[in-house]
Every structure is written in C-alpha cells, then in structure tokens.
Amino acid sequence: MKNSARCPKCESRRLWIVEPFRVPDDTNWPALPVATRLVGGAFLTQVVRMGGFDLYVCADCGFSELWARGLEEMQASPETGVTLRDTTDPEQGPFR
C-alpha cells in the first residue's frame, strides 16, 4: 500500500496513514520500536529502542500493513533476540 497507494485486497485508494505508529502504554515511548537492545552493565541496564513502524490501513476494507523505518539504527542484540541474517553472496554484485 505504501508504494502503490492502493489496497492490495480491495483496490481502494482510500488509505489511513499513521506515521509513526504508536501503542499507548506506560513506557513513555513515542512509537512502537522494531526492536530493543540492552545497554549497560549488571546494575545499570537501559533499554534502547531501534527503528519504528508506520501503519497503512485501507479505509474501506480494513486491511493493514506495518512498514519498518529507521533500520539504519538497528544493531545486533542476541540477548534480546535481535540478529541479522545476511546470506548475500559477497562475490555477487547488484542485479542490473
């Protein structure tokens, strides 16, 4: 929906866009993060948010998509379940 400006389910062009997507809670975080990582030691551990989501919702049928943004902020954090699987062949250049 983000790129086509059209719902893939019903073809509607009426879309609600929520940038950034927020989930009300008690953490005072302004947006839903893609992932979190822990920073600090045993006594002072801080949770750092990485990335966020934009929400696209069809105004007619309700179909929705979450699009990740801020991925340049992402860092591996195995203790919180964040890893990057890169199976790119280093010998292979970009497709042209």
N, C-alpha and C. Protein backbone atom coordinates (compact mmCIF):
# COMPACT_ATOMS: atom_id res chain seq x y z
N MET A 1 0.82 -1.19 0.00
CA MET A 1 0.00 0.00 0.00
C MET A 1 0.87 1.25 0.00
N LYS A 2 1.98 1.18 0.70
CA LYS A 2 2.84 2.36 0.81
C LYS A 2 3.32 2.82 -0.57
N ASN A 3 3.75 1.89 -1.39
CA ASN A 3 4.31 2.25 -2.69
C ASN A 3 3.26 2.43 -3.78
N SER A 4 2.20 1.66 -3.72
CA SER A 4 1.18 1.71 -4.78
C SER A 4 0.04 2.67 -4.48
N ALA A 5 -0.08 3.12 -3.22
CA ALA A 5 -1.20 3.97 -2.79
C ALA A 5 -2.54 3.31 -3.10
N ARG A 6 -2.57 1.99 -2.97
CA ARG A 6 -3.77 1.22 -3.27
C ARG A 6 -3.80 -0.02 -2.39
N CYS A 7 -4.98 -0.39 -1.92
CA CYS A 7 -5.13 -1.60 -1.11
C CYS A 7 -4.96 -2.83 -2.00
N PRO A 8 -4.10 -3.78 -1.62
CA PRO A 8 -3.91 -4.98 -2.43
C PRO A 8 -5.09 -5.95 -2.34
N LYS A 9 -5.97 -5.76 -1.36
CA LYS A 9 -7.10 -6.67 -1.19
C LYS A 9 -8.35 -6.22 -1.95
N CYS A 10 -8.69 -4.92 -1.84
CA CYS A 10 -9.95 -4.45 -2.46
C CYS A 10 -9.73 -3.36 -3.51
N GLU A 11 -8.47 -2.98 -3.75
CA GLU A 11 -8.11 -1.97 -4.75
C GLU A 11 -8.53 -0.54 -4.40
N SER A 12 -9.00 -0.33 -3.18
CA SER A 12 -9.38 1.02 -2.76
C SER A 12 -8.16 1.93 -2.74
N ARG A 13 -8.39 3.19 -3.00
CA ARG A 13 -7.32 4.19 -2.92
C ARG A 13 -7.50 5.11 -1.72
N ARG A 14 -8.41 4.73 -0.81
CA ARG A 14 -8.63 5.50 0.43
C ARG A 14 -7.86 4.81 1.55
N LEU A 15 -6.77 5.45 1.97
CA LEU A 15 -5.89 4.84 2.97
C LEU A 15 -5.68 5.78 4.15
N TRP A 16 -5.73 5.20 5.34
CA TRP A 16 -5.30 5.91 6.55
C TRP A 16 -3.82 5.63 6.71
N ILE A 17 -3.05 6.67 7.03
CA ILE A 17 -1.62 6.52 7.25
C ILE A 17 -1.29 7.07 8.64
N VAL A 18 -0.67 6.25 9.46
CA VAL A 18 -0.29 6.65 10.82
C VAL A 18 1.23 6.59 10.89
N GLU A 19 1.88 7.75 10.94
CA GLU A 19 3.34 7.85 10.97
C GLU A 19 3.77 8.69 12.16
N PRO A 20 4.49 8.18 13.09
CA PRO A 20 4.80 6.79 13.35
C PRO A 20 3.66 6.10 14.10
N PHE A 21 3.58 4.80 13.96
CA PHE A 21 2.57 4.02 14.66
C PHE A 21 2.89 3.98 16.15
N ARG A 22 1.92 4.29 16.98
CA ARG A 22 2.11 4.34 18.43
C ARG A 22 1.17 3.35 19.11
N VAL A 23 1.63 2.81 20.20
CA VAL A 23 0.80 1.94 21.05
C VAL A 23 0.77 2.58 22.42
N PRO A 24 -0.40 3.00 22.90
CA PRO A 24 -0.45 3.63 24.23
C PRO A 24 -0.02 2.65 25.32
N ASP A 25 0.93 3.07 26.13
CA ASP A 25 1.35 2.27 27.27
C ASP A 25 2.01 3.17 28.30
N ASP A 26 2.58 2.58 29.32
CA ASP A 26 3.16 3.34 30.41
C ASP A 26 4.66 3.59 30.26
N THR A 27 5.24 3.25 29.11
CA THR A 27 6.69 3.36 28.96
C THR A 27 7.13 4.74 28.50
N ASN A 28 6.20 5.58 28.08
CA ASN A 28 6.51 6.91 27.56
C ASN A 28 7.30 6.86 26.26
N TRP A 29 7.33 5.73 25.60
CA TRP A 29 7.96 5.66 24.29
C TRP A 29 6.99 6.23 23.28
N PRO A 30 7.44 7.12 22.41
CA PRO A 30 6.50 7.76 21.49
C PRO A 30 6.02 6.85 20.36
N ALA A 31 6.75 5.81 20.05
CA ALA A 31 6.35 4.94 18.94
C ALA A 31 6.74 3.50 19.23
N LEU A 32 6.09 2.58 18.55
CA LEU A 32 6.41 1.16 18.68
C LEU A 32 7.75 0.88 18.01
N PRO A 33 8.76 0.40 18.75
CA PRO A 33 10.05 0.13 18.13
C PRO A 33 10.04 -1.17 17.34
N VAL A 34 10.91 -1.27 16.34
CA VAL A 34 11.09 -2.53 15.62
C VAL A 34 11.69 -3.55 16.57
N ALA A 35 12.67 -3.11 17.36
CA ALA A 35 13.34 -3.99 18.33
C ALA A 35 13.94 -3.13 19.43
N THR A 36 14.42 -3.78 20.46
CA THR A 36 15.12 -3.11 21.54
C THR A 36 16.43 -3.84 21.81
N ARG A 37 17.35 -3.13 22.44
CA ARG A 37 18.58 -3.78 22.88
C ARG A 37 18.93 -3.27 24.26
N LEU A 38 19.69 -4.04 24.99
CA LEU A 38 20.09 -3.66 26.34
C LEU A 38 21.47 -3.04 26.31
N VAL A 39 21.64 -1.92 27.03
CA VAL A 39 22.92 -1.23 27.11
C VAL A 39 23.25 -1.05 28.57
N GLY A 40 24.49 -1.28 28.93
CA GLY A 40 24.91 -1.08 30.31
C GLY A 40 25.40 -2.36 30.93
N GLY A 41 25.62 -2.27 32.24
CA GLY A 41 26.14 -3.41 32.97
C GLY A 41 25.08 -4.09 33.81
N ALA A 42 25.55 -4.80 34.81
CA ALA A 42 24.67 -5.58 35.66
C ALA A 42 23.76 -4.70 36.51
N PHE A 43 24.23 -3.52 36.90
CA PHE A 43 23.45 -2.68 37.81
C PHE A 43 22.68 -1.59 37.09
N LEU A 44 23.22 -1.08 36.01
CA LEU A 44 22.55 -0.03 35.25
C LEU A 44 22.30 -0.50 33.82
N THR A 45 21.17 -1.13 33.61
CA THR A 45 20.83 -1.61 32.29
C THR A 45 19.73 -0.71 31.72
N GLN A 46 19.93 -0.26 30.51
CA GLN A 46 18.97 0.62 29.86
C GLN A 46 18.47 -0.05 28.59
N VAL A 47 17.19 0.09 28.31
CA VAL A 47 16.61 -0.44 27.09
C VAL A 47 16.65 0.66 26.03
N VAL A 48 17.25 0.36 24.88
CA VAL A 48 17.35 1.31 23.78
C VAL A 48 16.43 0.85 22.65
N ARG A 49 15.59 1.76 22.17
CA ARG A 49 14.69 1.45 21.06
C ARG A 49 15.43 1.56 19.74
N MET A 50 15.07 0.68 18.80
CA MET A 50 15.67 0.71 17.47
C MET A 50 14.56 0.69 16.43
N GLY A 51 14.58 1.65 15.53
CA GLY A 51 13.60 1.70 14.45
C GLY A 51 12.20 2.01 14.92
N GLY A 52 11.27 1.93 14.00
CA GLY A 52 9.87 2.18 14.29
C GLY A 52 9.01 1.69 13.14
N PHE A 53 7.71 1.87 13.26
CA PHE A 53 6.77 1.42 12.23
C PHE A 53 5.86 2.54 11.79
N ASP A 54 5.46 2.49 10.54
CA ASP A 54 4.38 3.31 10.00
C ASP A 54 3.25 2.35 9.67
N LEU A 55 2.02 2.77 9.90
CA LEU A 55 0.84 1.92 9.68
C LEU A 55 0.04 2.46 8.51
N TYR A 56 -0.31 1.58 7.59
CA TYR A 56 -1.17 1.90 6.45
C TYR A 56 -2.42 1.03 6.55
N VAL A 57 -3.59 1.67 6.57
CA VAL A 57 -4.86 0.95 6.75
C VAL A 57 -5.81 1.35 5.64
N CYS A 58 -6.42 0.37 4.99
CA CYS A 58 -7.44 0.65 3.97
C CYS A 58 -8.69 1.17 4.67
N ALA A 59 -9.17 2.33 4.23
CA ALA A 59 -10.36 2.94 4.84
C ALA A 59 -11.64 2.19 4.48
N ASP A 60 -11.59 1.32 3.46
CA ASP A 60 -12.79 0.59 3.05
C ASP A 60 -12.89 -0.82 3.61
N CYS A 61 -11.80 -1.60 3.54
CA CYS A 61 -11.91 -2.99 4.00
C CYS A 61 -11.15 -3.26 5.29
N GLY A 62 -10.27 -2.33 5.72
CA GLY A 62 -9.55 -2.50 6.97
C GLY A 62 -8.24 -3.25 6.87
N PHE A 63 -7.90 -3.72 5.68
CA PHE A 63 -6.60 -4.39 5.53
C PHE A 63 -5.51 -3.43 5.96
N SER A 64 -4.46 -3.93 6.63
CA SER A 64 -3.41 -3.04 7.12
C SER A 64 -2.03 -3.64 6.91
N GLU A 65 -1.05 -2.74 6.83
CA GLU A 65 0.35 -3.12 6.69
C GLU A 65 1.18 -2.26 7.63
N LEU A 66 2.17 -2.88 8.26
CA LEU A 66 3.17 -2.15 9.03
C LEU A 66 4.44 -2.09 8.19
N TRP A 67 5.01 -0.89 8.07
CA TRP A 67 6.26 -0.71 7.33
C TRP A 67 7.33 -0.24 8.31
N ALA A 68 8.43 -0.98 8.37
CA ALA A 68 9.54 -0.63 9.27
C ALA A 68 10.30 0.56 8.71
N ARG A 69 10.79 1.40 9.61
CA ARG A 69 11.63 2.54 9.23
C ARG A 69 12.74 2.65 10.27
N GLY A 70 13.74 3.44 9.98
CA GLY A 70 14.85 3.62 10.91
C GLY A 70 15.72 2.39 11.07
N LEU A 71 15.79 1.56 10.04
CA LEU A 71 16.57 0.32 10.15
C LEU A 71 18.07 0.57 10.23
N GLU A 72 18.51 1.78 9.84
CA GLU A 72 19.93 2.11 9.97
C GLU A 72 20.33 2.18 11.44
N GLU A 73 19.36 2.29 12.35
CA GLU A 73 19.63 2.32 13.80
C GLU A 73 19.80 0.92 14.38
N MET A 74 19.42 -0.11 13.62
CA MET A 74 19.42 -1.47 14.14
C MET A 74 20.84 -1.95 14.43
N GLN A 75 20.98 -2.66 15.54
CA GLN A 75 22.22 -3.31 15.92
C GLN A 75 21.88 -4.69 16.46
N ALA A 76 22.76 -5.63 16.23
CA ALA A 76 22.55 -6.97 16.75
C ALA A 76 22.51 -6.92 18.28
N SER A 77 21.57 -7.66 18.84
CA SER A 77 21.43 -7.75 20.29
C SER A 77 20.88 -9.14 20.62
N PRO A 78 21.74 -10.16 20.55
CA PRO A 78 21.27 -11.54 20.76
C PRO A 78 20.54 -11.75 22.08
N GLU A 79 20.92 -11.00 23.14
CA GLU A 79 20.25 -11.19 24.44
C GLU A 79 18.79 -10.75 24.40
N THR A 80 18.42 -9.90 23.42
CA THR A 80 17.01 -9.52 23.28
C THR A 80 16.41 -10.11 22.00
N GLY A 81 17.13 -11.04 21.38
CA GLY A 81 16.58 -11.75 20.22
C GLY A 81 16.74 -11.04 18.89
N VAL A 82 17.64 -10.06 18.79
CA VAL A 82 17.82 -9.32 17.54
C VAL A 82 19.10 -9.77 16.85
N THR A 83 18.95 -10.38 15.69
CA THR A 83 20.10 -10.81 14.90
C THR A 83 19.83 -10.45 13.43
N LEU A 84 20.89 -10.35 12.65
CA LEU A 84 20.78 -10.09 11.22
C LEU A 84 21.29 -11.31 10.49
N ARG A 85 20.45 -11.89 9.65
CA ARG A 85 20.87 -13.00 8.81
C ARG A 85 21.13 -12.42 7.42
N ASP A 86 22.38 -12.39 7.01
CA ASP A 86 22.76 -11.84 5.71
C ASP A 86 23.33 -12.98 4.87
N THR A 87 22.57 -13.43 3.90
CA THR A 87 23.01 -14.51 3.03
C THR A 87 23.46 -13.98 1.67
N THR A 88 23.78 -12.68 1.63
CA THR A 88 24.25 -12.07 0.40
C THR A 88 25.58 -12.69 0.00
N ASP A 89 25.72 -13.04 -1.26
CA ASP A 89 26.97 -13.57 -1.78
C ASP A 89 27.92 -12.39 -2.01
N PRO A 90 29.03 -12.31 -1.27
CA PRO A 90 29.94 -11.17 -1.43
C PRO A 90 30.56 -11.08 -2.82
N GLU A 91 30.55 -12.19 -3.56
CA GLU A 91 31.10 -12.20 -4.92
C GLU A 91 30.08 -11.71 -5.94
N GLN A 92 28.83 -11.62 -5.53
CA GLN A 92 27.74 -11.24 -6.43
C GLN A 92 27.50 -9.74 -6.31
N GLY A 93 27.54 -9.02 -7.39
CA GLY A 93 27.26 -7.60 -7.39
C GLY A 93 25.77 -7.35 -7.47
N PRO A 94 25.36 -6.08 -7.48
CA PRO A 94 23.92 -5.78 -7.60
C PRO A 94 23.38 -6.23 -8.96
N PHE A 95 22.14 -6.66 -8.96
CA PHE A 95 21.49 -7.10 -10.19
C PHE A 95 21.29 -5.92 -11.12
N ARG A 96 21.66 -6.06 -12.35
CA ARG A 96 21.47 -4.99 -13.33
C ARG A 96 20.85 -5.54 -14.58
